[in-house]
Amino acid sequence: MNLILWRHAEAIDLGTPVTPGCKRDLERKLTDRGLIQAADTARWLRKHVKRDYRVICSPALRALQTAKAFSDTPEIIEALCPLADASHVLGAINWPQGKDVIVVGHQPWIGRIASLLLSGHEQDWSVKKSSIWWLSHRLRKQESHEKAQTVLRLVLPPDLIG
């Protein structure tokens, strides 16, 4: 299974603190810069992703707008809300048995998923807006058994795309 974690692009700042996941937070739109970031990342993905991928995203407008830069019909999954737990997101995508997937979502859970899959420990890793982390799962034969591995294929921030 291939897993591409894509953090939503730059979104408007409401100017006043809001609770992540509240109605006002979920309605935040991408900025003009965010729209460009999402389009650039989507263009890169179309050029380099050769398989059919399931595209899923958070119910937050900024995540949906980011996902729509790549797919006309992203699947909105409530479990991918801004305050989601990393294990719930992995369950929602059926890691590692599921279909290849592009997941558009939020910090801190994108960084936590990356850290959990790569190091075995959930940590608050920083992920820039509109960055992609491409991971894959494989089984390696070791002596008389197979061992599951997560492979980091790529980390790409938006400033290296556009």
Protein backbone atom coordinates (compact mmCIF):
# COMPACT_ATOMS: atom_id res chain seq x y z
CA MET A 1 0.00 0.00 0.00
CA ASN A 2 1.18 3.49 -0.84
CA LEU A 3 0.15 6.31 1.46
CA ILE A 4 0.59 9.95 0.52
CA LEU A 5 -0.03 12.33 3.41
CA TRP A 6 -0.78 15.82 2.09
CA ARG A 7 -1.22 18.65 4.54
CA HIS A 8 -3.81 21.20 3.42
CA ALA A 9 -2.44 24.34 1.77
CA GLU A 10 -2.31 27.77 3.42
CA ALA A 11 -5.71 28.87 4.77
CA ILE A 12 -7.07 32.18 5.98
CA ASP A 13 -6.32 33.20 9.54
CA LEU A 14 -9.46 34.23 11.37
CA GLY A 15 -7.51 36.73 13.44
CA THR A 16 -8.89 35.43 16.69
CA PRO A 17 -8.16 32.06 18.23
CA VAL A 18 -10.77 29.41 17.46
CA THR A 19 -11.10 25.88 18.72
CA PRO A 20 -9.76 23.46 16.12
CA GLY A 21 -12.65 21.57 14.58
CA CYS A 22 -15.34 24.11 15.53
CA LYS A 23 -17.71 25.34 12.82
CA ARG A 24 -15.72 28.54 12.16
CA ASP A 25 -12.47 26.57 11.92
CA LEU A 26 -13.98 24.02 9.52
CA GLU A 27 -15.17 26.85 7.23
CA ARG A 28 -11.71 28.42 6.76
CA LYS A 29 -10.89 28.75 3.04
CA LEU A 30 -7.54 28.64 1.29
CA THR A 31 -5.77 31.94 0.70
CA ASP A 32 -4.75 32.95 -2.82
CA ARG A 33 -1.28 31.62 -1.99
CA GLY A 34 -2.86 28.41 -0.68
CA LEU A 35 -4.76 27.91 -3.95
CA ILE A 36 -1.46 28.20 -5.84
CA GLN A 37 0.27 25.81 -3.42
CA ALA A 38 -2.52 23.24 -3.84
CA ALA A 39 -2.46 23.56 -7.65
CA ASP A 40 1.34 23.19 -7.77
CA THR A 41 1.32 20.13 -5.52
CA ALA A 42 -1.55 18.57 -7.49
CA ARG A 43 0.34 19.14 -10.75
CA TRP A 44 3.40 17.42 -9.28
CA LEU A 45 1.27 14.49 -8.06
CA ARG A 46 -0.39 14.05 -11.48
CA LYS A 47 3.06 13.90 -13.08
CA HIS A 48 4.57 11.41 -10.61
CA VAL A 49 1.70 9.25 -9.32
CA LYS A 50 1.16 6.56 -11.91
CA ARG A 51 -1.38 4.36 -10.12
CA ASP A 52 -5.02 4.84 -9.31
CA TYR A 53 -5.27 6.39 -5.84
CA ARG A 54 -8.21 6.80 -3.53
CA VAL A 55 -8.31 10.49 -2.53
CA ILE A 56 -9.76 11.22 0.89
CA CYS A 57 -9.87 14.37 2.96
CA SER A 58 -10.98 15.99 6.15
CA PRO A 59 -14.41 17.65 6.29
CA ALA A 60 -12.67 21.03 6.73
CA LEU A 61 -13.16 23.33 3.72
CA ARG A 62 -9.40 24.04 3.43
CA ALA A 63 -8.67 20.30 3.14
CA LEU A 64 -11.47 19.79 0.62
CA GLN A 65 -10.21 22.69 -1.53
CA THR A 66 -6.69 21.24 -1.40
CA ALA A 67 -7.92 17.75 -2.37
CA LYS A 68 -10.05 19.15 -5.22
CA ALA A 69 -6.91 20.58 -6.82
CA PHE A 70 -6.02 16.94 -7.55
CA SER A 71 -9.38 15.13 -7.75
CA ASP A 72 -12.86 16.27 -8.72
CA THR A 73 -14.41 13.77 -6.33
CA PRO A 74 -12.41 13.41 -3.11
CA GLU A 75 -14.06 11.33 -0.42
CA ILE A 76 -14.77 13.29 2.77
CA ILE A 77 -14.15 11.24 5.89
CA GLU A 78 -15.33 12.67 9.22
CA ALA A 79 -12.62 10.71 11.10
CA LEU A 80 -10.03 13.00 9.45
CA CYS A 81 -11.20 16.12 11.29
CA PRO A 82 -8.52 18.56 12.54
CA LEU A 83 -8.30 17.01 16.02
CA ALA A 84 -8.28 13.39 14.83
CA ASP A 85 -6.21 10.77 16.54
CA ALA A 86 -3.46 9.20 14.39
CA SER A 87 -4.72 5.67 15.07
CA HIS A 88 -8.27 6.63 13.99
CA VAL A 89 -6.94 8.04 10.71
CA LEU A 90 -4.93 4.86 10.07
CA GLY A 91 -8.05 2.82 10.79
CA ALA A 92 -10.13 4.95 8.42
CA ILE A 93 -7.69 4.31 5.56
CA ASN A 94 -7.25 0.63 6.47
CA TRP A 95 -3.45 0.90 6.82
CA PRO A 96 -1.58 -1.11 5.64
CA GLN A 97 -4.05 -3.39 3.83
CA GLY A 98 -6.07 -0.73 2.03
CA LYS A 99 -5.92 0.67 -1.46
CA ASP A 100 -3.25 3.24 -2.37
CA VAL A 101 -4.48 6.51 -0.89
CA ILE A 102 -3.81 10.24 -0.83
CA VAL A 103 -4.94 11.64 2.52
CA VAL A 104 -5.44 15.40 2.74
CA GLY A 105 -5.53 16.61 6.30
CA HIS A 106 -4.08 18.50 9.22
CA GLN A 107 -1.39 18.95 11.75
CA PRO A 108 -0.74 17.56 14.24
CA TRP A 109 -2.03 14.19 13.07
CA ILE A 110 -0.12 14.09 9.78
CA GLY A 111 3.19 14.50 11.62
CA ARG A 112 2.10 11.99 14.24
CA ILE A 113 1.23 9.40 11.60
CA ALA A 114 4.55 9.90 9.82
CA SER A 115 6.47 9.53 13.09
CA LEU A 116 4.49 6.47 14.17
CA LEU A 117 4.93 4.64 10.87
CA LEU A 118 8.62 5.52 10.46
CA SER A 119 9.93 5.37 14.03
CA GLY A 120 7.35 3.27 15.84
CA HIS A 121 6.58 6.12 18.24
CA GLU A 122 3.98 8.86 17.89
CA GLN A 123 5.67 12.26 18.09
CA ASP A 124 4.81 15.81 17.04
CA TRP A 125 6.77 16.05 13.78
CA SER A 126 6.41 19.31 11.89
CA VAL A 127 4.84 19.19 8.42
CA LYS A 128 4.64 22.34 6.29
CA LYS A 129 1.38 23.37 4.66
CA SER A 130 0.86 21.70 1.27
CA SER A 131 3.76 19.30 1.87
CA ILE A 132 3.51 15.67 0.91
CA TRP A 133 4.97 12.68 2.70
CA TRP A 134 4.94 9.54 0.53
CA LEU A 135 5.18 6.28 2.47
CA SER A 136 4.78 2.70 1.38
CA HIS A 137 4.27 -0.58 3.17
CA ARG A 138 6.08 -3.74 2.21
CA LEU A 139 6.88 -7.19 3.55
CA ARG A 140 10.56 -8.22 3.55
CA LYS A 141 11.58 -11.83 3.82
CA GLN A 142 13.94 -12.30 6.76
CA GLU A 143 15.12 -15.83 7.35
CA SER A 144 11.96 -17.93 7.72
CA HIS A 145 9.38 -15.14 8.10
CA GLU A 146 8.26 -11.87 6.61
CA LYS A 147 8.71 -8.56 8.40
CA ALA A 148 6.49 -5.54 7.77
CA GLN A 149 8.31 -2.33 6.90
CA THR A 150 7.29 1.24 6.21
CA VAL A 151 9.44 2.90 3.57
CA LEU A 152 9.79 6.67 3.23
CA ARG A 153 9.71 7.33 -0.50
CA LEU A 154 9.58 11.12 -0.49
CA VAL A 155 9.08 14.28 1.59
CA LEU A 156 8.36 17.31 -0.56
CA PRO A 157 7.60 20.79 0.77
CA PRO A 158 5.73 23.28 -1.44
CA ASP A 159 8.72 25.60 -1.91
CA LEU A 160 10.50 22.81 -3.85
CA ILE A 161 7.52 22.18 -6.11
CA GLY A 162 6.46 25.54 -7.55
